[in-house]
Amino acid sequence: MYSGRNRMPAVLNSTTDFEILSSNAQESQLIEAQLAGLTEAANILGLPAYYLGAPNSSRTYANVEQENLQLVRWSIQPIAERIEQSLSDLLVRGQYAKFNYDALLRTDTLSRYQAHAVGISSGFLTVNEVREMENRDPITPVDTQPIDTEEPDYAELGEEDDDDIE
């Protein structure tokens, strides 16, 4: 046995326990078999393997949105469409059930606001529709009144009050 990188022999006394820190070929195959099992289960469920705990070194913040889109498109949506159809069959004619995937597909705030601005400027969205998408109350006519941001001159207010008293 050698000690460290300098290839000097390690000398152990009789009370020291020796434990190997590397894995052998059988343990390596066990890990590979576990990964293969995770991948197979993910394929059966229609999920990416990393959703079940398989390692994924290529996952970055930039592609999380695309991963969520793939999850909805290939895994959730086919099942959800069957559920929507079954629930719609139970509803009164003219009504239908529909799942909302917006929370899964929601992008970062800047991208969402830019998309809203495009919708409003192109004319296919109104400000209140955008506010509804963002779970905010609609704008009423009172909300559109200009806000007076100038601070009042309190000296003039005091003089007017004095004139009214006399």
Protein backbone atom coordinates (compact mmCIF):
# COMPACT_ATOMS: atom_id res chain seq x y z
CA MET A 1 0.00 0.00 0.00
CA TYR A 2 1.19 3.50 -0.82
CA SER A 3 0.55 6.77 0.96
CA GLY A 4 -0.44 9.94 -0.89
CA ARG A 5 0.97 11.07 -4.22
CA ASN A 6 4.60 10.72 -3.30
CA ARG A 7 4.35 6.93 -3.48
CA MET A 8 5.70 6.41 0.02
CA PRO A 9 4.49 3.22 1.70
CA ALA A 10 1.83 3.67 4.37
CA VAL A 11 2.51 1.92 7.65
CA LEU A 12 -0.51 1.03 9.78
CA ASN A 13 -0.45 -0.30 13.32
CA SER A 14 -2.62 -3.18 14.50
CA THR A 15 -5.37 -0.92 15.97
CA THR A 16 -5.96 1.05 12.75
CA ASP A 17 -8.85 -0.03 10.55
CA PHE A 18 -8.39 0.06 6.79
CA GLU A 19 -11.34 0.92 4.54
CA ILE A 20 -11.32 1.12 0.75
CA LEU A 21 -12.76 4.43 -0.53
CA SER A 22 -13.31 3.46 -4.14
CA SER A 23 -16.16 1.37 -5.53
CA ASN A 24 -15.64 -1.98 -7.13
CA ALA A 25 -17.03 -3.11 -10.47
CA GLN A 26 -20.10 -4.76 -8.93
CA GLU A 27 -21.12 -1.58 -7.07
CA SER A 28 -20.62 0.44 -10.27
CA GLN A 29 -22.93 -1.91 -12.14
CA LEU A 30 -25.52 -1.57 -9.37
CA ILE A 31 -25.52 2.21 -9.80
CA GLU A 32 -25.84 1.84 -13.57
CA ALA A 33 -28.72 -0.61 -13.08
CA GLN A 34 -30.48 1.86 -10.77
CA LEU A 35 -30.11 4.63 -13.36
CA ALA A 36 -31.42 2.31 -16.06
CA GLY A 37 -34.43 1.49 -13.84
CA LEU A 38 -35.14 5.18 -13.28
CA THR A 39 -34.91 5.84 -17.00
CA GLU A 40 -37.22 2.93 -17.79
CA ALA A 41 -39.79 4.07 -15.20
CA ALA A 42 -39.62 7.61 -16.59
CA ASN A 43 -40.23 6.30 -20.11
CA ILE A 44 -43.27 4.34 -18.92
CA LEU A 45 -44.70 7.40 -17.18
CA GLY A 46 -43.78 9.75 -20.01
CA LEU A 47 -41.59 11.89 -17.76
CA PRO A 48 -38.01 13.08 -18.10
CA ALA A 49 -35.76 10.87 -15.94
CA TYR A 50 -34.58 13.78 -13.78
CA TYR A 51 -38.14 14.19 -12.48
CA LEU A 52 -37.67 10.82 -10.80
CA GLY A 53 -34.24 11.63 -9.41
CA ALA A 54 -31.83 10.62 -12.18
CA PRO A 55 -28.82 12.93 -12.39
CA ASN A 56 -28.97 15.61 -15.05
CA SER A 57 -25.92 17.80 -15.43
CA SER A 58 -27.27 19.82 -18.36
CA ARG A 59 -30.13 21.45 -16.44
CA THR A 60 -29.79 25.22 -16.21
CA TYR A 61 -32.14 28.06 -15.36
CA ALA A 62 -32.45 28.94 -19.04
CA ASN A 63 -33.98 25.64 -20.05
CA VAL A 64 -36.32 25.06 -17.09
CA GLU A 65 -39.14 26.81 -18.97
CA GLN A 66 -38.66 24.50 -21.95
CA GLU A 67 -38.57 21.48 -19.63
CA ASN A 68 -41.90 22.54 -18.10
CA LEU A 69 -43.35 22.98 -21.60
CA GLN A 70 -42.21 19.47 -22.53
CA LEU A 71 -43.67 18.08 -19.29
CA VAL A 72 -47.04 19.62 -20.09
CA ARG A 73 -47.00 18.70 -23.76
CA TRP A 74 -45.83 15.09 -23.53
CA SER A 75 -46.89 13.94 -20.06
CA ILE A 76 -49.68 15.96 -18.50
CA GLN A 77 -51.68 17.22 -21.47
CA PRO A 78 -52.71 13.84 -22.97
CA ILE A 79 -54.08 12.67 -19.62
CA ALA A 80 -55.59 16.07 -18.81
CA GLU A 81 -57.42 16.18 -22.15
CA ARG A 82 -59.11 12.86 -21.35
CA ILE A 83 -60.13 14.16 -17.91
CA GLU A 84 -61.40 17.42 -19.45
CA GLN A 85 -63.52 15.46 -21.94
CA SER A 86 -64.96 13.22 -19.21
CA LEU A 87 -65.82 16.18 -16.99
CA SER A 88 -67.28 18.13 -19.93
CA ASP A 89 -69.58 15.21 -20.70
CA LEU A 90 -71.01 15.55 -17.17
CA LEU A 91 -71.63 19.30 -17.44
CA VAL A 92 -74.68 21.08 -18.84
CA ARG A 93 -74.67 21.49 -22.62
CA GLY A 94 -72.65 24.56 -23.64
CA GLN A 95 -70.26 24.30 -20.69
CA TYR A 96 -66.90 22.60 -20.71
CA ALA A 97 -64.03 21.79 -18.36
CA LYS A 98 -60.55 22.99 -19.16
CA PHE A 99 -57.32 22.85 -17.16
CA ASN A 100 -55.20 25.99 -16.90
CA TYR A 101 -51.49 25.29 -17.49
CA ASP A 102 -50.40 28.89 -17.01
CA ALA A 103 -48.72 28.32 -13.65
CA LEU A 104 -46.53 25.58 -15.11
CA LEU A 105 -45.64 27.58 -18.18
CA ARG A 106 -45.22 30.95 -16.49
CA THR A 107 -41.99 32.58 -17.55
CA ASP A 108 -39.93 35.14 -15.71
CA THR A 109 -41.57 38.47 -14.90
CA LEU A 110 -39.81 40.52 -17.59
CA SER A 111 -40.76 38.10 -20.39
CA ARG A 112 -44.38 38.00 -19.19
CA TYR A 113 -44.64 41.78 -19.08
CA GLN A 114 -43.08 42.08 -22.54
CA ALA A 115 -45.61 39.58 -23.90
CA HIS A 116 -48.44 41.55 -22.26
CA ALA A 117 -47.15 44.78 -23.83
CA VAL A 118 -47.13 43.14 -27.28
CA GLY A 119 -50.70 41.91 -26.75
CA ILE A 120 -51.95 45.33 -25.66
CA SER A 121 -50.12 47.26 -28.41
CA SER A 122 -51.32 44.78 -31.08
CA GLY A 123 -54.89 45.15 -29.90
CA PHE A 124 -55.76 41.53 -29.13
CA LEU A 125 -55.55 42.07 -25.34
CA THR A 126 -57.01 44.79 -23.16
CA VAL A 127 -55.42 46.14 -20.00
CA ASN A 128 -58.11 44.47 -17.89
CA GLU A 129 -57.53 41.11 -19.62
CA VAL A 130 -53.83 41.36 -18.79
CA ARG A 131 -54.68 42.30 -15.20
CA GLU A 132 -56.92 39.24 -14.99
CA MET A 133 -54.05 37.03 -16.22
CA GLU A 134 -51.90 38.47 -13.45
CA ASN A 135 -54.67 37.87 -10.86
CA ARG A 136 -55.29 41.58 -10.30
CA ASP A 137 -58.56 43.47 -10.08
CA PRO A 138 -59.75 45.26 -13.24
CA ILE A 139 -59.15 48.96 -13.64
CA THR A 140 -62.28 51.00 -12.99
CA PRO A 141 -62.87 54.55 -14.29
CA VAL A 142 -61.89 55.87 -10.85
CA ASP A 143 -58.53 54.11 -11.19
CA THR A 144 -57.80 55.94 -14.44
CA GLN A 145 -58.16 59.44 -12.92
CA PRO A 146 -54.83 61.28 -12.82
CA ILE A 147 -53.23 61.37 -9.41
CA ASP A 148 -52.18 64.79 -8.11
CA THR A 149 -48.56 64.28 -7.09
CA GLU A 150 -47.91 67.89 -6.12
CA GLU A 151 -47.76 68.60 -2.43
CA PRO A 152 -50.33 71.24 -1.42
CA ASP A 153 -49.19 74.63 -0.15
CA TYR A 154 -50.28 74.44 3.46
CA ALA A 155 -49.73 78.19 4.00
CA GLU A 156 -52.42 79.01 1.42
CA LEU A 157 -54.77 76.47 2.95
CA GLY A 158 -54.35 78.12 6.33
CA GLU A 159 -55.07 81.60 4.92
CA GLU A 160 -58.23 80.41 3.20
CA ASP A 161 -59.48 78.89 6.41
CA ASP A 162 -58.79 82.17 8.28
CA ASP A 163 -60.78 84.13 5.69
CA ASP A 164 -63.75 81.76 6.03
CA ILE A 165 -63.83 82.17 9.83
CA GLU A 166 -64.06 86.01 9.75
